[in-house]
Amino acid sequence: MGVVLATEALFMAAVALGVLLGAHTHQRRSLIVGILCVIFGTIMYSSPLTIMSQVVKTKSVEYMPLLLSVVSFLNGLCWTSYALIRFDIFITIPNGLGVLFTLMQLILLSW
């Protein structure tokens, strides 16, 4: 776990350093970091979808906890609402997709 944490810290430091040295305007920096946030936020919300095929095959929801799906749905819904109020596209895209992805999980859990 320490190796994973160190890798993430190094990646974050590399991104920060690369953006600060490579992009010279605030708009350019926001665009680069925003795109990275969209990519990684979407990956975060879509990762539980890999379990869905296993749930369908085994007809067992033991691999997909209900509480995690509900909390992910509510988190995505809150952030999407906030992003729509402020109209921040970099927050809207991954969290809107997160609402859809976790809604799919909840539908599968109730099916």
N, C-alpha and C. Protein backbone atom coordinates (compact mmCIF):
# COMPACT_ATOMS: atom_id res chain seq x y z
N MET A 1 0.82 -1.19 0.00
CA MET A 1 0.00 0.00 0.00
C MET A 1 0.87 1.26 0.00
N GLY A 2 1.98 1.18 0.70
CA GLY A 2 2.90 2.31 0.72
C GLY A 2 3.47 2.62 -0.65
N VAL A 3 3.72 1.58 -1.44
CA VAL A 3 4.24 1.77 -2.80
C VAL A 3 3.20 2.47 -3.67
N VAL A 4 1.94 2.07 -3.54
CA VAL A 4 0.87 2.69 -4.31
C VAL A 4 0.73 4.16 -3.93
N LEU A 5 0.75 4.45 -2.62
CA LEU A 5 0.65 5.82 -2.15
C LEU A 5 1.83 6.66 -2.64
N ALA A 6 3.02 6.11 -2.59
CA ALA A 6 4.21 6.83 -3.06
C ALA A 6 4.13 7.08 -4.57
N THR A 7 3.63 6.10 -5.31
CA THR A 7 3.48 6.27 -6.76
C THR A 7 2.48 7.37 -7.07
N GLU A 8 1.38 7.39 -6.35
CA GLU A 8 0.38 8.44 -6.57
C GLU A 8 0.93 9.81 -6.21
N ALA A 9 1.68 9.90 -5.12
CA ALA A 9 2.28 11.18 -4.72
C ALA A 9 3.29 11.65 -5.77
N LEU A 10 4.09 10.73 -6.30
CA LEU A 10 5.04 11.10 -7.35
C LEU A 10 4.33 11.55 -8.61
N PHE A 11 3.25 10.85 -8.98
CA PHE A 11 2.49 11.24 -10.17
C PHE A 11 1.89 12.64 -9.99
N MET A 12 1.32 12.90 -8.82
CA MET A 12 0.74 14.21 -8.55
C MET A 12 1.81 15.31 -8.60
N ALA A 13 2.97 15.03 -8.02
CA ALA A 13 4.06 16.01 -8.05
C ALA A 13 4.54 16.24 -9.47
N ALA A 14 4.61 15.18 -10.27
CA ALA A 14 5.05 15.32 -11.66
C ALA A 14 4.04 16.14 -12.47
N VAL A 15 2.77 15.90 -12.25
CA VAL A 15 1.73 16.68 -12.95
C VAL A 15 1.82 18.14 -12.55
N ALA A 16 1.92 18.41 -11.26
CA ALA A 16 2.00 19.79 -10.79
C ALA A 16 3.22 20.49 -11.34
N LEU A 17 4.36 19.82 -11.29
CA LEU A 17 5.58 20.41 -11.81
C LEU A 17 5.51 20.62 -13.32
N GLY A 18 4.99 19.61 -14.02
CA GLY A 18 4.87 19.73 -15.47
C GLY A 18 3.94 20.84 -15.90
N VAL A 19 2.83 21.00 -15.20
CA VAL A 19 1.88 22.05 -15.55
C VAL A 19 2.45 23.42 -15.21
N LEU A 20 3.08 23.53 -14.05
CA LEU A 20 3.64 24.83 -13.66
C LEU A 20 4.77 25.27 -14.58
N LEU A 21 5.59 24.33 -15.01
CA LEU A 21 6.72 24.68 -15.88
C LEU A 21 6.35 24.71 -17.37
N GLY A 22 5.38 23.89 -17.76
CA GLY A 22 5.05 23.77 -19.18
C GLY A 22 3.96 24.69 -19.67
N ALA A 23 3.01 24.99 -18.83
CA ALA A 23 1.91 25.87 -19.23
C ALA A 23 2.08 27.20 -18.52
N HIS A 24 2.04 28.27 -19.29
CA HIS A 24 2.40 29.56 -18.71
C HIS A 24 1.20 30.45 -18.41
N THR A 25 0.00 30.03 -18.80
CA THR A 25 -1.18 30.83 -18.48
C THR A 25 -2.11 30.04 -17.57
N HIS A 26 -2.90 30.77 -16.83
CA HIS A 26 -3.86 30.14 -15.91
C HIS A 26 -4.88 29.31 -16.69
N GLN A 27 -5.32 29.81 -17.82
CA GLN A 27 -6.31 29.08 -18.63
C GLN A 27 -5.75 27.77 -19.14
N ARG A 28 -4.52 27.78 -19.59
CA ARG A 28 -3.88 26.56 -20.11
C ARG A 28 -3.70 25.54 -18.99
N ARG A 29 -3.25 26.01 -17.82
CA ARG A 29 -3.07 25.12 -16.67
C ARG A 29 -4.40 24.51 -16.25
N SER A 30 -5.45 25.33 -16.22
CA SER A 30 -6.78 24.82 -15.85
C SER A 30 -7.27 23.80 -16.84
N LEU A 31 -7.01 24.02 -18.11
CA LEU A 31 -7.43 23.08 -19.15
C LEU A 31 -6.73 21.73 -18.97
N ILE A 32 -5.43 21.75 -18.77
CA ILE A 32 -4.67 20.50 -18.64
C ILE A 32 -5.09 19.73 -17.40
N VAL A 33 -5.16 20.41 -16.27
CA VAL A 33 -5.54 19.74 -15.02
C VAL A 33 -7.01 19.31 -15.09
N GLY A 34 -7.86 20.11 -15.70
CA GLY A 34 -9.27 19.75 -15.85
C GLY A 34 -9.46 18.49 -16.68
N ILE A 35 -8.72 18.38 -17.77
CA ILE A 35 -8.81 17.18 -18.62
C ILE A 35 -8.34 15.94 -17.85
N LEU A 36 -7.25 16.08 -17.10
CA LEU A 36 -6.78 14.95 -16.28
C LEU A 36 -7.82 14.56 -15.24
N CYS A 37 -8.47 15.54 -14.64
CA CYS A 37 -9.50 15.25 -13.64
C CYS A 37 -10.70 14.54 -14.27
N VAL A 38 -11.08 14.94 -15.47
CA VAL A 38 -12.18 14.28 -16.17
C VAL A 38 -11.82 12.82 -16.44
N ILE A 39 -10.61 12.59 -16.91
CA ILE A 39 -10.17 11.22 -17.24
C ILE A 39 -10.17 10.35 -15.99
N PHE A 40 -9.49 10.81 -14.93
CA PHE A 40 -9.35 9.98 -13.74
C PHE A 40 -10.66 9.88 -12.95
N GLY A 41 -11.48 10.93 -12.95
CA GLY A 41 -12.78 10.85 -12.30
C GLY A 41 -13.70 9.85 -12.97
N THR A 42 -13.65 9.83 -14.31
CA THR A 42 -14.46 8.87 -15.06
C THR A 42 -13.98 7.44 -14.80
N ILE A 43 -12.67 7.25 -14.75
CA ILE A 43 -12.12 5.92 -14.44
C ILE A 43 -12.55 5.48 -13.04
N MET A 44 -12.53 6.41 -12.09
CA MET A 44 -12.91 6.07 -10.72
C MET A 44 -14.36 5.59 -10.66
N TYR A 45 -15.25 6.30 -11.32
CA TYR A 45 -16.66 5.92 -11.28
C TYR A 45 -16.96 4.68 -12.12
N SER A 46 -16.20 4.45 -13.19
CA SER A 46 -16.50 3.32 -14.06
C SER A 46 -15.83 2.02 -13.61
N SER A 47 -14.87 2.09 -12.69
CA SER A 47 -14.18 0.86 -12.28
C SER A 47 -15.09 -0.21 -11.68
N PRO A 48 -16.12 0.14 -10.89
CA PRO A 48 -17.01 -0.92 -10.40
C PRO A 48 -17.83 -1.60 -11.49
N LEU A 49 -17.89 -1.01 -12.68
CA LEU A 49 -18.65 -1.63 -13.76
C LEU A 49 -18.03 -2.95 -14.20
N THR A 50 -16.75 -3.15 -13.93
CA THR A 50 -16.10 -4.41 -14.30
C THR A 50 -16.67 -5.57 -13.50
N ILE A 51 -17.20 -5.29 -12.34
CA ILE A 51 -17.79 -6.32 -11.49
C ILE A 51 -19.18 -6.73 -12.00
N MET A 52 -19.82 -5.84 -12.77
CA MET A 52 -21.18 -6.11 -13.20
C MET A 52 -21.31 -7.39 -14.00
N SER A 53 -20.34 -7.67 -14.85
CA SER A 53 -20.41 -8.92 -15.63
C SER A 53 -20.33 -10.14 -14.72
N GLN A 54 -19.51 -10.04 -13.67
CA GLN A 54 -19.40 -11.14 -12.71
C GLN A 54 -20.71 -11.31 -11.93
N VAL A 55 -21.37 -10.21 -11.61
CA VAL A 55 -22.65 -10.28 -10.90
C VAL A 55 -23.70 -10.94 -11.78
N VAL A 56 -23.71 -10.60 -13.07
CA VAL A 56 -24.68 -11.20 -13.99
C VAL A 56 -24.40 -12.70 -14.17
N LYS A 57 -23.12 -13.07 -14.33
CA LYS A 57 -22.77 -14.48 -14.54
C LYS A 57 -23.10 -15.34 -13.33
N THR A 58 -22.73 -14.85 -12.14
CA THR A 58 -22.93 -15.65 -10.93
C THR A 58 -24.31 -15.46 -10.31
N LYS A 59 -25.03 -14.45 -10.77
CA LYS A 59 -26.35 -14.11 -10.21
C LYS A 59 -26.27 -13.87 -8.71
N SER A 60 -25.13 -13.29 -8.30
CA SER A 60 -24.91 -12.98 -6.89
C SER A 60 -24.33 -11.57 -6.78
N VAL A 61 -24.88 -10.77 -5.88
CA VAL A 61 -24.42 -9.40 -5.71
C VAL A 61 -23.40 -9.25 -4.58
N GLU A 62 -22.82 -10.35 -4.14
CA GLU A 62 -21.87 -10.29 -3.03
C GLU A 62 -20.62 -9.48 -3.39
N TYR A 63 -20.31 -9.35 -4.67
CA TYR A 63 -19.11 -8.62 -5.09
C TYR A 63 -19.38 -7.13 -5.28
N MET A 64 -20.65 -6.72 -5.21
CA MET A 64 -21.01 -5.33 -5.42
C MET A 64 -21.80 -4.83 -4.20
N PRO A 65 -21.13 -4.19 -3.26
CA PRO A 65 -21.82 -3.76 -2.05
C PRO A 65 -22.83 -2.64 -2.32
N LEU A 66 -24.01 -2.76 -1.74
CA LEU A 66 -25.09 -1.80 -1.94
C LEU A 66 -24.71 -0.43 -1.40
N LEU A 67 -24.15 -0.38 -0.20
CA LEU A 67 -23.83 0.90 0.42
C LEU A 67 -22.84 1.71 -0.43
N LEU A 68 -21.83 1.06 -0.98
CA LEU A 68 -20.86 1.75 -1.83
C LEU A 68 -21.54 2.32 -3.07
N SER A 69 -22.44 1.58 -3.67
CA SER A 69 -23.15 2.06 -4.86
C SER A 69 -24.05 3.23 -4.53
N VAL A 70 -24.76 3.17 -3.41
CA VAL A 70 -25.65 4.26 -3.01
C VAL A 70 -24.85 5.53 -2.71
N VAL A 71 -23.77 5.38 -1.96
CA VAL A 71 -22.95 6.54 -1.60
C VAL A 71 -22.28 7.14 -2.85
N SER A 72 -21.83 6.31 -3.77
CA SER A 72 -21.24 6.81 -5.01
C SER A 72 -22.28 7.58 -5.83
N PHE A 73 -23.50 7.05 -5.87
CA PHE A 73 -24.58 7.73 -6.60
C PHE A 73 -24.87 9.10 -5.98
N LEU A 74 -25.00 9.14 -4.65
CA LEU A 74 -25.29 10.41 -3.98
C LEU A 74 -24.14 11.40 -4.12
N ASN A 75 -22.91 10.92 -4.04
CA ASN A 75 -21.74 11.77 -4.21
C ASN A 75 -21.72 12.38 -5.61
N GLY A 76 -21.92 11.54 -6.62
CA GLY A 76 -21.95 12.03 -7.99
C GLY A 76 -23.08 13.02 -8.21
N LEU A 77 -24.24 12.76 -7.60
CA LEU A 77 -25.39 13.64 -7.74
C LEU A 77 -25.12 15.01 -7.11
N CYS A 78 -24.51 15.00 -5.92
CA CYS A 78 -24.18 16.27 -5.26
C CYS A 78 -23.19 17.08 -6.07
N TRP A 79 -22.13 16.44 -6.54
CA TRP A 79 -21.12 17.15 -7.31
C TRP A 79 -21.65 17.61 -8.67
N THR A 80 -22.51 16.82 -9.28
CA THR A 80 -23.10 17.24 -10.56
C THR A 80 -23.99 18.46 -10.35
N SER A 81 -24.78 18.45 -9.28
CA SER A 81 -25.63 19.60 -8.97
C SER A 81 -24.79 20.85 -8.75
N TYR A 82 -23.74 20.71 -7.97
CA TYR A 82 -22.83 21.84 -7.72
C TYR A 82 -22.21 22.34 -9.03
N ALA A 83 -21.78 21.41 -9.86
CA ALA A 83 -21.12 21.79 -11.11
C ALA A 83 -22.09 22.49 -12.06
N LEU A 84 -23.34 22.07 -12.05
CA LEU A 84 -24.33 22.72 -12.92
C LEU A 84 -24.66 24.13 -12.42
N ILE A 85 -24.63 24.33 -11.11
CA ILE A 85 -24.87 25.66 -10.56
C ILE A 85 -23.73 26.60 -10.97
N ARG A 86 -22.51 26.11 -10.87
CA ARG A 86 -21.33 26.92 -11.22
C ARG A 86 -20.97 26.81 -12.69
N PHE A 87 -21.59 25.90 -13.40
CA PHE A 87 -21.31 25.53 -14.78
C PHE A 87 -19.81 25.29 -15.00
N ASP A 88 -19.30 24.30 -14.28
CA ASP A 88 -17.92 23.87 -14.43
C ASP A 88 -17.92 22.53 -15.16
N ILE A 89 -17.52 22.56 -16.41
CA ILE A 89 -17.58 21.38 -17.26
C ILE A 89 -16.67 20.26 -16.78
N PHE A 90 -15.55 20.64 -16.13
CA PHE A 90 -14.60 19.64 -15.66
C PHE A 90 -15.12 18.87 -14.44
N ILE A 91 -16.07 19.42 -13.75
CA ILE A 91 -16.71 18.70 -12.64
C ILE A 91 -17.97 18.00 -13.14
N THR A 92 -18.65 18.62 -14.08
CA THR A 92 -19.92 18.07 -14.59
C THR A 92 -19.73 16.73 -15.30
N ILE A 93 -18.75 16.63 -16.18
CA ILE A 93 -18.58 15.43 -17.01
C ILE A 93 -18.32 14.17 -16.18
N PRO A 94 -17.27 14.12 -15.36
CA PRO A 94 -17.03 12.85 -14.65
C PRO A 94 -18.12 12.51 -13.63
N ASN A 95 -18.66 13.52 -12.96
CA ASN A 95 -19.66 13.24 -11.95
C ASN A 95 -21.02 12.93 -12.58
N GLY A 96 -21.34 13.55 -13.71
CA GLY A 96 -22.56 13.18 -14.43
C GLY A 96 -22.48 11.75 -14.93
N LEU A 97 -21.33 11.39 -15.46
CA LEU A 97 -21.12 9.99 -15.87
C LEU A 97 -21.17 9.07 -14.66
N GLY A 98 -20.63 9.53 -13.53
CA GLY A 98 -20.67 8.74 -12.30
C GLY A 98 -22.09 8.47 -11.85
N VAL A 99 -22.96 9.47 -11.99
CA VAL A 99 -24.38 9.27 -11.64
C VAL A 99 -24.97 8.18 -12.54
N LEU A 100 -24.68 8.25 -13.83
CA LEU A 100 -25.21 7.24 -14.76
C LEU A 100 -24.65 5.85 -14.46
N PHE A 101 -23.34 5.77 -14.22
CA PHE A 101 -22.70 4.47 -13.96
C PHE A 101 -23.23 3.85 -12.67
N THR A 102 -23.34 4.65 -11.62
CA THR A 102 -23.82 4.08 -10.36
C THR A 102 -25.31 3.79 -10.41
N LEU A 103 -26.04 4.53 -11.22
CA LEU A 103 -27.46 4.21 -11.42
C LEU A 103 -27.59 2.85 -12.09
N MET A 104 -26.71 2.56 -13.04
CA MET A 104 -26.70 1.23 -13.66
C MET A 104 -26.42 0.15 -12.61
N GLN A 105 -25.49 0.42 -11.70
CA GLN A 105 -25.19 -0.54 -10.64
C GLN A 105 -26.41 -0.76 -9.74
N LEU A 106 -27.07 0.34 -9.37
CA LEU A 106 -28.23 0.23 -8.49
C LEU A 106 -29.38 -0.53 -9.18
N ILE A 107 -29.55 -0.30 -10.47
CA ILE A 107 -30.57 -1.04 -11.22
C ILE A 107 -30.24 -2.52 -11.21
N LEU A 108 -28.97 -2.86 -11.44
CA LEU A 108 -28.54 -4.25 -11.42
C LEU A 108 -28.74 -4.86 -10.04
N LEU A 109 -28.44 -4.11 -9.00
CA LEU A 109 -28.60 -4.62 -7.64
C LEU A 109 -30.07 -4.90 -7.31
N SER A 110 -30.97 -4.09 -7.85
CA SER A 110 -32.38 -4.27 -7.53
C SER A 110 -33.06 -5.26 -8.48
N TRP A 111 -32.37 -5.68 -9.49
CA TRP A 111 -32.94 -6.55 -10.53
C TRP A 111 -33.03 -7.91 -10.07
